[in-house]
Amino acid sequence: MSVRTVLVVVEDVVERELLAAHFRFAGFLPVLAASAEEARRLASELRPDVVLIDLESPSELSHGVSDLLTHETRRLRAGPIEIDAERHLITVRRHGRATPVELAPVELKLLQCLMARPDHAIERQQILDSVWGAGSEVDARTVDQNIKRLRRCLEDAGAGDVIRTVRGIGYRFSAAPL
């Protein structure tokens, strides 16, 4: 079992250190931050299991939570693939190795569309509307060609067969590749 991390966000240094000592004694790994800005940075880098925040500054806290939630919606993880859309980073994690994947913007949108509902069949028309916009002049063949390129990129990175064709419907992202 891995050690659980606790992000402790407390302005007062004495209070912060006291809480850290208690968490260490209880078997946690405390990560300390003195400000909301520092906490946002640490939370996005470390992804702690628990966040403890001193509630002396609630408006700053609510802005910080809002920023974190907005950042989290730009991150997506399913199966061996993780997307950080904000930084346009796609990573395949297999057997302890992280392999970066280079995708064109359309391929990234396509992958996000499929990964947003893992193990669900998504109709070609839904994919067209999500990736290219409703009413676009793009046809189903364009979806198929982009899926083909996306599959090749992901398979080359070691993701396996994570995008499956659902005959007569569209495609499915499988969180557990064959």
N, C-alpha and C. Protein backbone atom coordinates (compact mmCIF):
# COMPACT_ATOMS: atom_id res chain seq x y z
N MET A 1 0.84 -1.18 0.00
CA MET A 1 0.00 0.00 0.00
C MET A 1 0.88 1.24 0.00
N SER A 2 0.55 2.20 -0.82
CA SER A 2 1.36 3.41 -0.90
C SER A 2 0.98 4.39 0.20
N VAL A 3 1.90 5.28 0.51
CA VAL A 3 1.66 6.30 1.52
C VAL A 3 0.72 7.35 0.94
N ARG A 4 -0.29 7.73 1.70
CA ARG A 4 -1.25 8.74 1.27
C ARG A 4 -0.69 10.13 1.52
N THR A 5 -0.89 11.01 0.55
CA THR A 5 -0.40 12.39 0.69
C THR A 5 -1.52 13.31 1.15
N VAL A 6 -1.15 14.26 1.99
CA VAL A 6 -2.08 15.27 2.48
C VAL A 6 -1.47 16.63 2.18
N LEU A 7 -2.17 17.42 1.40
CA LEU A 7 -1.74 18.78 1.11
C LEU A 7 -2.29 19.67 2.23
N VAL A 8 -1.40 20.26 3.01
CA VAL A 8 -1.77 21.12 4.13
C VAL A 8 -1.57 22.57 3.72
N VAL A 9 -2.66 23.32 3.61
CA VAL A 9 -2.62 24.71 3.19
C VAL A 9 -2.98 25.59 4.38
N VAL A 10 -1.94 26.07 5.05
CA VAL A 10 -2.12 26.90 6.24
C VAL A 10 -1.08 28.01 6.19
N GLU A 11 -1.52 29.25 6.35
CA GLU A 11 -0.62 30.40 6.26
C GLU A 11 0.37 30.45 7.42
N ASP A 12 -0.10 30.20 8.62
CA ASP A 12 0.75 30.30 9.81
C ASP A 12 1.74 29.13 9.85
N VAL A 13 3.04 29.46 9.88
CA VAL A 13 4.09 28.45 9.80
C VAL A 13 4.08 27.49 10.99
N VAL A 14 3.80 27.98 12.18
CA VAL A 14 3.79 27.12 13.37
C VAL A 14 2.64 26.11 13.27
N GLU A 15 1.46 26.62 12.92
CA GLU A 15 0.30 25.75 12.75
C GLU A 15 0.55 24.70 11.67
N ARG A 16 1.13 25.15 10.55
CA ARG A 16 1.41 24.27 9.42
C ARG A 16 2.35 23.15 9.82
N GLU A 17 3.43 23.48 10.53
CA GLU A 17 4.41 22.48 10.96
C GLU A 17 3.82 21.52 11.99
N LEU A 18 2.97 22.02 12.87
CA LEU A 18 2.32 21.18 13.87
C LEU A 18 1.41 20.15 13.19
N LEU A 19 0.62 20.62 12.24
CA LEU A 19 -0.25 19.70 11.50
C LEU A 19 0.58 18.68 10.73
N ALA A 20 1.67 19.12 10.12
CA ALA A 20 2.54 18.21 9.38
C ALA A 20 3.08 17.11 10.28
N ALA A 21 3.50 17.47 11.49
CA ALA A 21 4.04 16.49 12.44
C ALA A 21 2.97 15.46 12.80
N HIS A 22 1.75 15.92 13.03
CA HIS A 22 0.65 15.00 13.36
C HIS A 22 0.37 14.05 12.20
N PHE A 23 0.36 14.57 10.99
CA PHE A 23 0.11 13.71 9.83
C PHE A 23 1.23 12.70 9.62
N ARG A 24 2.49 13.13 9.80
CA ARG A 24 3.63 12.20 9.69
C ARG A 24 3.49 11.07 10.70
N PHE A 25 3.16 11.43 11.94
CA PHE A 25 3.01 10.45 13.01
C PHE A 25 1.90 9.44 12.68
N ALA A 26 0.85 9.91 12.00
CA ALA A 26 -0.27 9.05 11.63
C ALA A 26 0.00 8.23 10.37
N GLY A 27 1.19 8.39 9.78
CA GLY A 27 1.57 7.59 8.61
C GLY A 27 1.28 8.22 7.27
N PHE A 28 0.94 9.51 7.27
CA PHE A 28 0.70 10.22 6.02
C PHE A 28 1.96 10.96 5.59
N LEU A 29 1.98 11.36 4.32
CA LEU A 29 3.06 12.20 3.81
C LEU A 29 2.50 13.61 3.63
N PRO A 30 2.83 14.54 4.55
CA PRO A 30 2.31 15.90 4.42
C PRO A 30 3.10 16.70 3.39
N VAL A 31 2.37 17.45 2.58
CA VAL A 31 2.96 18.39 1.63
C VAL A 31 2.43 19.75 2.05
N LEU A 32 3.33 20.70 2.27
CA LEU A 32 2.95 21.96 2.88
C LEU A 32 2.91 23.11 1.89
N ALA A 33 1.88 23.96 2.07
CA ALA A 33 1.75 25.17 1.25
C ALA A 33 1.29 26.31 2.16
N ALA A 34 1.84 27.49 1.91
CA ALA A 34 1.51 28.66 2.73
C ALA A 34 0.47 29.55 2.07
N SER A 35 0.17 29.32 0.77
CA SER A 35 -0.78 30.19 0.07
C SER A 35 -1.62 29.36 -0.90
N ALA A 36 -2.72 29.97 -1.33
CA ALA A 36 -3.59 29.30 -2.29
C ALA A 36 -2.87 29.08 -3.62
N GLU A 37 -2.05 30.04 -4.02
CA GLU A 37 -1.30 29.92 -5.27
C GLU A 37 -0.35 28.72 -5.22
N GLU A 38 0.38 28.62 -4.13
CA GLU A 38 1.30 27.49 -3.95
C GLU A 38 0.52 26.17 -3.89
N ALA A 39 -0.62 26.18 -3.23
CA ALA A 39 -1.45 24.98 -3.12
C ALA A 39 -1.96 24.52 -4.48
N ARG A 40 -2.39 25.47 -5.33
CA ARG A 40 -2.86 25.11 -6.67
C ARG A 40 -1.75 24.44 -7.46
N ARG A 41 -0.55 25.00 -7.38
CA ARG A 41 0.59 24.43 -8.11
C ARG A 41 0.88 23.02 -7.61
N LEU A 42 0.98 22.86 -6.30
CA LEU A 42 1.28 21.55 -5.72
C LEU A 42 0.18 20.53 -6.01
N ALA A 43 -1.06 20.96 -5.93
CA ALA A 43 -2.18 20.04 -6.17
C ALA A 43 -2.17 19.53 -7.61
N SER A 44 -1.88 20.40 -8.56
CA SER A 44 -1.86 19.96 -9.95
C SER A 44 -0.64 19.09 -10.25
N GLU A 45 0.47 19.32 -9.57
CA GLU A 45 1.67 18.51 -9.78
C GLU A 45 1.60 17.16 -9.07
N LEU A 46 1.15 17.16 -7.82
CA LEU A 46 1.24 15.97 -6.98
C LEU A 46 -0.04 15.16 -6.88
N ARG A 47 -1.18 15.80 -7.13
CA ARG A 47 -2.48 15.14 -7.02
C ARG A 47 -2.62 14.42 -5.68
N PRO A 48 -2.64 15.20 -4.57
CA PRO A 48 -2.70 14.60 -3.24
C PRO A 48 -4.01 13.85 -3.01
N ASP A 49 -3.98 12.94 -2.02
CA ASP A 49 -5.18 12.19 -1.68
C ASP A 49 -6.17 13.03 -0.90
N VAL A 50 -5.65 13.95 -0.07
CA VAL A 50 -6.49 14.81 0.77
C VAL A 50 -5.91 16.21 0.78
N VAL A 51 -6.77 17.21 0.83
CA VAL A 51 -6.33 18.60 0.95
C VAL A 51 -6.96 19.18 2.21
N LEU A 52 -6.12 19.71 3.10
CA LEU A 52 -6.58 20.37 4.32
C LEU A 52 -6.27 21.85 4.17
N ILE A 53 -7.31 22.68 4.29
CA ILE A 53 -7.14 24.10 4.05
C ILE A 53 -7.60 24.90 5.26
N ASP A 54 -6.78 25.85 5.67
CA ASP A 54 -7.13 26.78 6.73
C ASP A 54 -8.21 27.70 6.18
N LEU A 55 -9.34 27.76 6.83
CA LEU A 55 -10.48 28.51 6.31
C LEU A 55 -10.51 29.97 6.72
N GLU A 56 -9.35 30.57 6.99
CA GLU A 56 -9.27 31.99 7.36
C GLU A 56 -9.54 32.89 6.15
N SER A 57 -9.37 32.39 4.92
CA SER A 57 -9.57 33.23 3.72
C SER A 57 -10.50 32.54 2.74
N PRO A 58 -11.84 32.49 3.00
CA PRO A 58 -12.79 31.73 2.18
C PRO A 58 -12.92 32.20 0.73
N SER A 59 -12.82 33.51 0.46
CA SER A 59 -12.98 33.95 -0.93
C SER A 59 -11.79 33.47 -1.77
N GLU A 60 -10.59 33.55 -1.21
CA GLU A 60 -9.42 33.06 -1.93
C GLU A 60 -9.54 31.55 -2.14
N LEU A 61 -10.06 30.87 -1.14
CA LEU A 61 -10.24 29.43 -1.22
C LEU A 61 -11.22 29.07 -2.34
N SER A 62 -12.35 29.76 -2.43
CA SER A 62 -13.34 29.43 -3.45
C SER A 62 -12.78 29.66 -4.85
N HIS A 63 -11.98 30.71 -5.01
CA HIS A 63 -11.34 30.94 -6.31
C HIS A 63 -10.35 29.82 -6.62
N GLY A 64 -9.61 29.40 -5.62
CA GLY A 64 -8.64 28.32 -5.79
C GLY A 64 -9.31 27.01 -6.18
N VAL A 65 -10.42 26.69 -5.51
CA VAL A 65 -11.15 25.47 -5.83
C VAL A 65 -11.70 25.55 -7.24
N SER A 66 -12.23 26.69 -7.61
CA SER A 66 -12.75 26.88 -8.96
C SER A 66 -11.65 26.66 -10.00
N ASP A 67 -10.47 27.23 -9.75
CA ASP A 67 -9.34 27.06 -10.67
C ASP A 67 -8.94 25.59 -10.78
N LEU A 68 -8.89 24.90 -9.64
CA LEU A 68 -8.51 23.49 -9.65
C LEU A 68 -9.51 22.65 -10.42
N LEU A 69 -10.80 22.91 -10.20
CA LEU A 69 -11.81 22.13 -10.90
C LEU A 69 -11.77 22.38 -12.39
N THR A 70 -11.54 23.62 -12.80
CA THR A 70 -11.41 23.93 -14.21
C THR A 70 -10.22 23.19 -14.79
N HIS A 71 -9.10 23.17 -14.05
CA HIS A 71 -7.91 22.46 -14.51
C HIS A 71 -8.19 20.97 -14.63
N GLU A 72 -8.90 20.40 -13.65
CA GLU A 72 -9.17 18.97 -13.66
C GLU A 72 -10.03 18.56 -14.85
N THR A 73 -10.97 19.41 -15.29
CA THR A 73 -11.79 19.05 -16.42
C THR A 73 -10.97 19.01 -17.70
N ARG A 74 -9.82 19.63 -17.69
CA ARG A 74 -8.94 19.59 -18.86
C ARG A 74 -7.99 18.40 -18.80
N ARG A 75 -8.10 17.61 -17.73
CA ARG A 75 -7.31 16.37 -17.59
C ARG A 75 -8.26 15.20 -17.69
N LEU A 76 -7.83 14.18 -18.38
CA LEU A 76 -8.66 13.02 -18.58
C LEU A 76 -7.77 11.79 -18.54
N ARG A 77 -8.23 10.76 -17.83
CA ARG A 77 -7.46 9.51 -17.75
C ARG A 77 -8.42 8.35 -17.90
N ALA A 78 -8.08 7.44 -18.79
CA ALA A 78 -8.85 6.21 -18.98
C ALA A 78 -7.90 5.16 -19.51
N GLY A 79 -7.98 3.98 -18.93
CA GLY A 79 -7.08 2.92 -19.35
C GLY A 79 -5.63 3.38 -19.22
N PRO A 80 -4.81 3.11 -20.21
CA PRO A 80 -3.39 3.47 -20.12
C PRO A 80 -3.08 4.90 -20.56
N ILE A 81 -4.11 5.67 -20.93
CA ILE A 81 -3.89 6.98 -21.54
C ILE A 81 -4.30 8.10 -20.60
N GLU A 82 -3.45 9.13 -20.54
CA GLU A 82 -3.75 10.33 -19.77
C GLU A 82 -3.58 11.52 -20.69
N ILE A 83 -4.57 12.44 -20.62
CA ILE A 83 -4.54 13.66 -21.44
C ILE A 83 -4.50 14.86 -20.52
N ASP A 84 -3.55 15.76 -20.79
CA ASP A 84 -3.54 17.07 -20.15
C ASP A 84 -3.74 18.06 -21.30
N ALA A 85 -5.01 18.39 -21.55
CA ALA A 85 -5.36 19.22 -22.71
C ALA A 85 -4.78 20.61 -22.63
N GLU A 86 -4.67 21.14 -21.40
CA GLU A 86 -4.14 22.48 -21.22
C GLU A 86 -2.72 22.59 -21.78
N ARG A 87 -1.93 21.56 -21.55
CA ARG A 87 -0.54 21.56 -22.03
C ARG A 87 -0.35 20.74 -23.30
N HIS A 88 -1.45 20.22 -23.86
CA HIS A 88 -1.44 19.37 -25.05
C HIS A 88 -0.44 18.22 -24.88
N LEU A 89 -0.55 17.53 -23.73
CA LEU A 89 0.30 16.38 -23.44
C LEU A 89 -0.55 15.12 -23.36
N ILE A 90 -0.18 14.14 -24.15
CA ILE A 90 -0.85 12.85 -24.13
C ILE A 90 0.21 11.83 -23.76
N THR A 91 -0.10 11.00 -22.76
CA THR A 91 0.86 10.02 -22.26
C THR A 91 0.22 8.65 -22.21
N VAL A 92 0.98 7.64 -22.65
CA VAL A 92 0.56 6.26 -22.51
C VAL A 92 1.42 5.65 -21.42
N ARG A 93 0.78 5.08 -20.40
CA ARG A 93 1.50 4.45 -19.29
C ARG A 93 1.30 2.94 -19.35
N ARG A 94 2.41 2.24 -19.53
CA ARG A 94 2.40 0.78 -19.62
C ARG A 94 3.64 0.23 -18.93
N HIS A 95 3.43 -0.75 -18.08
CA HIS A 95 4.53 -1.47 -17.44
C HIS A 95 5.55 -0.52 -16.80
N GLY A 96 5.04 0.51 -16.12
CA GLY A 96 5.91 1.45 -15.43
C GLY A 96 6.59 2.47 -16.33
N ARG A 97 6.29 2.45 -17.61
CA ARG A 97 6.88 3.40 -18.57
C ARG A 97 5.84 4.40 -19.03
N ALA A 98 6.24 5.64 -19.15
CA ALA A 98 5.36 6.69 -19.68
C ALA A 98 5.89 7.11 -21.05
N THR A 99 5.06 6.94 -22.07
CA THR A 99 5.45 7.29 -23.42
C THR A 99 4.61 8.46 -23.91
N PRO A 100 5.24 9.58 -24.29
CA PRO A 100 4.47 10.71 -24.83
C PRO A 100 3.97 10.39 -26.23
N VAL A 101 2.81 10.95 -26.56
CA VAL A 101 2.20 10.73 -27.87
C VAL A 101 1.96 12.09 -28.51
N GLU A 102 2.42 12.25 -29.73
CA GLU A 102 2.21 13.49 -30.48
C GLU A 102 0.94 13.34 -31.32
N LEU A 103 -0.03 14.22 -31.07
CA LEU A 103 -1.28 14.19 -31.83
C LEU A 103 -1.58 15.56 -32.39
N ALA A 104 -2.22 15.57 -33.56
CA ALA A 104 -2.72 16.81 -34.13
C ALA A 104 -3.92 17.27 -33.29
N PRO A 105 -4.24 18.56 -33.31
CA PRO A 105 -5.37 19.06 -32.51
C PRO A 105 -6.68 18.30 -32.74
N VAL A 106 -6.99 17.95 -33.98
CA VAL A 106 -8.23 17.21 -34.27
C VAL A 106 -8.16 15.81 -33.65
N GLU A 107 -7.01 15.17 -33.73
CA GLU A 107 -6.86 13.84 -33.14
C GLU A 107 -7.01 13.90 -31.62
N LEU A 108 -6.51 14.97 -31.00
CA LEU A 108 -6.67 15.15 -29.56
C LEU A 108 -8.15 15.30 -29.20
N LYS A 109 -8.88 16.12 -29.96
CA LYS A 109 -10.31 16.29 -29.70
C LYS A 109 -11.06 14.97 -29.87
N LEU A 110 -10.67 14.22 -30.87
CA LEU A 110 -11.29 12.93 -31.13
C LEU A 110 -11.05 11.96 -29.97
N LEU A 111 -9.81 11.93 -29.49
CA LEU A 111 -9.48 11.07 -28.35
C LEU A 111 -10.24 11.50 -27.09
N GLN A 112 -10.33 12.81 -26.85
CA GLN A 112 -11.09 13.32 -25.70
C GLN A 112 -12.56 12.92 -25.80
N CYS A 113 -13.13 13.01 -26.97
CA CYS A 113 -14.52 12.65 -27.19
C CYS A 113 -14.75 11.18 -26.83
N LEU A 114 -13.86 10.30 -27.27
CA LEU A 114 -14.01 8.88 -27.00
C LEU A 114 -13.72 8.54 -25.53
N MET A 115 -12.69 9.17 -24.97
CA MET A 115 -12.30 8.87 -23.58
C MET A 115 -13.28 9.44 -22.56
N ALA A 116 -14.07 10.42 -22.95
CA ALA A 116 -15.03 11.01 -22.01
C ALA A 116 -16.09 9.99 -21.59
N ARG A 117 -16.31 8.99 -22.43
CA ARG A 117 -17.28 7.92 -22.11
C ARG A 117 -16.66 6.57 -22.41
N PRO A 118 -15.69 6.15 -21.60
CA PRO A 118 -15.04 4.87 -21.86
C PRO A 118 -16.03 3.71 -21.83
N ASP A 119 -15.79 2.75 -22.71
CA ASP A 119 -16.60 1.52 -22.81
C ASP A 119 -18.04 1.77 -23.26
N HIS A 120 -18.30 2.93 -23.87
CA HIS A 120 -19.61 3.23 -24.45
C HIS A 120 -19.45 3.45 -25.95
N ALA A 121 -20.36 2.90 -26.72
CA ALA A 121 -20.35 3.13 -28.17
C ALA A 121 -20.80 4.56 -28.44
N ILE A 122 -20.03 5.26 -29.26
CA ILE A 122 -20.37 6.64 -29.61
C ILE A 122 -20.62 6.69 -31.11
N GLU A 123 -21.78 7.20 -31.48
CA GLU A 123 -22.17 7.26 -32.88
C GLU A 123 -21.29 8.23 -33.65
N ARG A 124 -21.10 7.92 -34.92
CA ARG A 124 -20.28 8.79 -35.78
C ARG A 124 -20.79 10.23 -35.77
N GLN A 125 -22.12 10.39 -35.81
CA GLN A 125 -22.69 11.74 -35.83
C GLN A 125 -22.36 12.50 -34.54
N GLN A 126 -22.39 11.80 -33.40
CA GLN A 126 -22.01 12.43 -32.13
C GLN A 126 -20.55 12.86 -32.18
N ILE A 127 -19.71 12.01 -32.75
CA ILE A 127 -18.29 12.33 -32.87
C ILE A 127 -18.11 13.55 -33.77
N LEU A 128 -18.81 13.55 -34.92
CA LEU A 128 -18.73 14.70 -35.84
C LEU A 128 -19.12 15.99 -35.13
N ASP A 129 -20.24 15.96 -34.42
CA ASP A 129 -20.73 17.16 -33.73
C ASP A 129 -19.76 17.62 -32.64
N SER A 130 -19.19 16.67 -31.91
CA SER A 130 -18.30 17.00 -30.80
C SER A 130 -16.95 17.53 -31.28
N VAL A 131 -16.40 16.91 -32.31
CA VAL A 131 -15.05 17.26 -32.76
C VAL A 131 -15.05 18.39 -33.79
N TRP A 132 -15.94 18.33 -34.77
CA TRP A 132 -15.93 19.32 -35.84
C TRP A 132 -17.03 20.37 -35.70
N GLY A 133 -17.99 20.13 -34.82
CA GLY A 133 -19.08 21.08 -34.62
C GLY A 133 -20.32 20.68 -35.39
N ALA A 134 -21.47 20.92 -34.77
CA ALA A 134 -22.75 20.59 -35.41
C ALA A 134 -22.90 21.38 -36.70
N GLY A 135 -23.38 20.71 -37.74
CA GLY A 135 -23.61 21.38 -39.01
C GLY A 135 -22.37 21.54 -39.87
N SER A 136 -21.26 20.92 -39.49
CA SER A 136 -20.04 21.04 -40.30
C SER A 136 -20.19 20.23 -41.58
N GLU A 137 -19.36 20.54 -42.54
CA GLU A 137 -19.41 19.87 -43.84
C GLU A 137 -18.60 18.57 -43.87
N VAL A 138 -18.08 18.16 -42.73
CA VAL A 138 -17.27 16.94 -42.64
C VAL A 138 -18.19 15.73 -42.66
N ASP A 139 -17.76 14.66 -43.39
CA ASP A 139 -18.59 13.47 -43.45
C ASP A 139 -17.99 12.32 -42.62
N ALA A 140 -18.71 11.23 -42.55
CA ALA A 140 -18.32 10.08 -41.72
C ALA A 140 -16.97 9.50 -42.15
N ARG A 141 -16.65 9.59 -43.41
CA ARG A 141 -15.37 9.05 -43.91
C ARG A 141 -14.19 9.79 -43.26
N THR A 142 -14.35 11.08 -43.01
CA THR A 142 -13.30 11.86 -42.34
C THR A 142 -13.08 11.35 -40.93
N VAL A 143 -14.16 11.01 -40.25
CA VAL A 143 -14.05 10.42 -38.91
C VAL A 143 -13.25 9.14 -38.99
N ASP A 144 -13.59 8.27 -39.93
CA ASP A 144 -12.90 7.00 -40.09
C ASP A 144 -11.40 7.18 -40.35
N GLN A 145 -11.05 8.13 -41.20
CA GLN A 145 -9.63 8.38 -41.51
C GLN A 145 -8.87 8.90 -40.29
N ASN A 146 -9.50 9.79 -39.54
CA ASN A 146 -8.85 10.31 -38.34
C ASN A 146 -8.74 9.26 -37.26
N ILE A 147 -9.72 8.39 -37.14
CA ILE A 147 -9.65 7.28 -36.19
C ILE A 147 -8.49 6.36 -36.56
N LYS A 148 -8.32 6.11 -37.84
CA LYS A 148 -7.23 5.24 -38.32
C LYS A 148 -5.87 5.82 -37.91
N ARG A 149 -5.68 7.13 -38.12
CA ARG A 149 -4.41 7.77 -37.72
C ARG A 149 -4.22 7.77 -36.21
N LEU A 150 -5.31 8.04 -35.47
CA LEU A 150 -5.25 8.05 -34.01
C LEU A 150 -4.89 6.67 -33.48
N ARG A 151 -5.51 5.64 -34.01
CA ARG A 151 -5.19 4.26 -33.59
C ARG A 151 -3.71 3.96 -33.79
N ARG A 152 -3.19 4.34 -34.96
CA ARG A 152 -1.78 4.08 -35.27
C ARG A 152 -0.87 4.77 -34.26
N CYS A 153 -1.15 6.02 -33.94
CA CYS A 153 -0.33 6.77 -32.98
C CYS A 153 -0.36 6.11 -31.60
N LEU A 154 -1.55 5.72 -31.16
CA LEU A 154 -1.69 5.11 -29.84
C LEU A 154 -1.05 3.73 -29.78
N GLU A 155 -1.22 2.95 -30.83
CA GLU A 155 -0.62 1.62 -30.86
C GLU A 155 0.91 1.72 -30.90
N ASP A 156 1.44 2.67 -31.67
CA ASP A 156 2.89 2.87 -31.72
C ASP A 156 3.46 3.24 -30.35
N ALA A 157 2.66 3.91 -29.52
CA ALA A 157 3.10 4.32 -28.19
C ALA A 157 2.90 3.21 -27.15
N GLY A 158 2.30 2.09 -27.58
CA GLY A 158 2.13 0.97 -26.67
C GLY A 158 0.79 0.92 -25.96
N ALA A 159 -0.19 1.69 -26.43
CA ALA A 159 -1.50 1.70 -25.77
C ALA A 159 -2.32 0.46 -26.08
N GLY A 160 -1.96 -0.22 -27.15
CA GLY A 160 -2.74 -1.39 -27.55
C GLY A 160 -3.97 -0.97 -28.35
N ASP A 161 -4.91 -1.91 -28.47
CA ASP A 161 -6.12 -1.71 -29.26
C ASP A 161 -7.21 -1.10 -28.39
N VAL A 162 -7.10 0.19 -28.10
CA VAL A 162 -8.04 0.84 -27.19
C VAL A 162 -9.26 1.44 -27.90
N ILE A 163 -9.18 1.63 -29.20
CA ILE A 163 -10.32 2.17 -29.96
C ILE A 163 -10.88 1.05 -30.82
N ARG A 164 -12.13 0.72 -30.56
CA ARG A 164 -12.78 -0.39 -31.26
C ARG A 164 -13.89 0.14 -32.15
N THR A 165 -14.07 -0.50 -33.29
CA THR A 165 -15.17 -0.17 -34.19
C THR A 165 -16.42 -0.90 -33.71
N VAL A 166 -17.52 -0.17 -33.65
CA VAL A 166 -18.81 -0.77 -33.31
C VAL A 166 -19.62 -0.71 -34.60
N ARG A 167 -19.72 -1.83 -35.27
CA ARG A 167 -20.33 -1.89 -36.60
C ARG A 167 -21.73 -1.26 -36.63
N GLY A 168 -21.93 -0.42 -37.63
CA GLY A 168 -23.22 0.22 -37.82
C GLY A 168 -23.50 1.37 -36.87
N ILE A 169 -22.58 1.64 -35.93
CA ILE A 169 -22.81 2.71 -34.95
C ILE A 169 -21.70 3.73 -34.99
N GLY A 170 -20.49 3.31 -34.62
CA GLY A 170 -19.37 4.24 -34.54
C GLY A 170 -18.17 3.60 -33.89
N TYR A 171 -17.74 4.19 -32.76
CA TYR A 171 -16.51 3.71 -32.10
C TYR A 171 -16.68 3.69 -30.60
N ARG A 172 -15.80 2.91 -29.96
CA ARG A 172 -15.79 2.79 -28.50
C ARG A 172 -14.35 2.84 -28.02
N PHE A 173 -14.10 3.63 -26.97
CA PHE A 173 -12.80 3.61 -26.30
C PHE A 173 -12.89 2.57 -25.21
N SER A 174 -12.00 1.59 -25.27
CA SER A 174 -11.99 0.51 -24.28
C SER A 174 -10.87 0.78 -23.27
N ALA A 175 -11.24 0.95 -22.01
CA ALA A 175 -10.26 1.22 -20.97
C ALA A 175 -9.34 0.03 -20.74
N ALA A 176 -9.76 -1.15 -21.17
CA ALA A 176 -8.93 -2.35 -21.03
C ALA A 176 -8.66 -2.90 -22.42
N PRO A 177 -7.49 -2.52 -23.02
CA PRO A 177 -7.22 -2.96 -24.40
C PRO A 177 -7.00 -4.47 -24.48
N LEU A 178 -7.17 -5.01 -25.68
CA LEU A 178 -6.92 -6.44 -25.91
C LEU A 178 -5.45 -6.75 -25.87
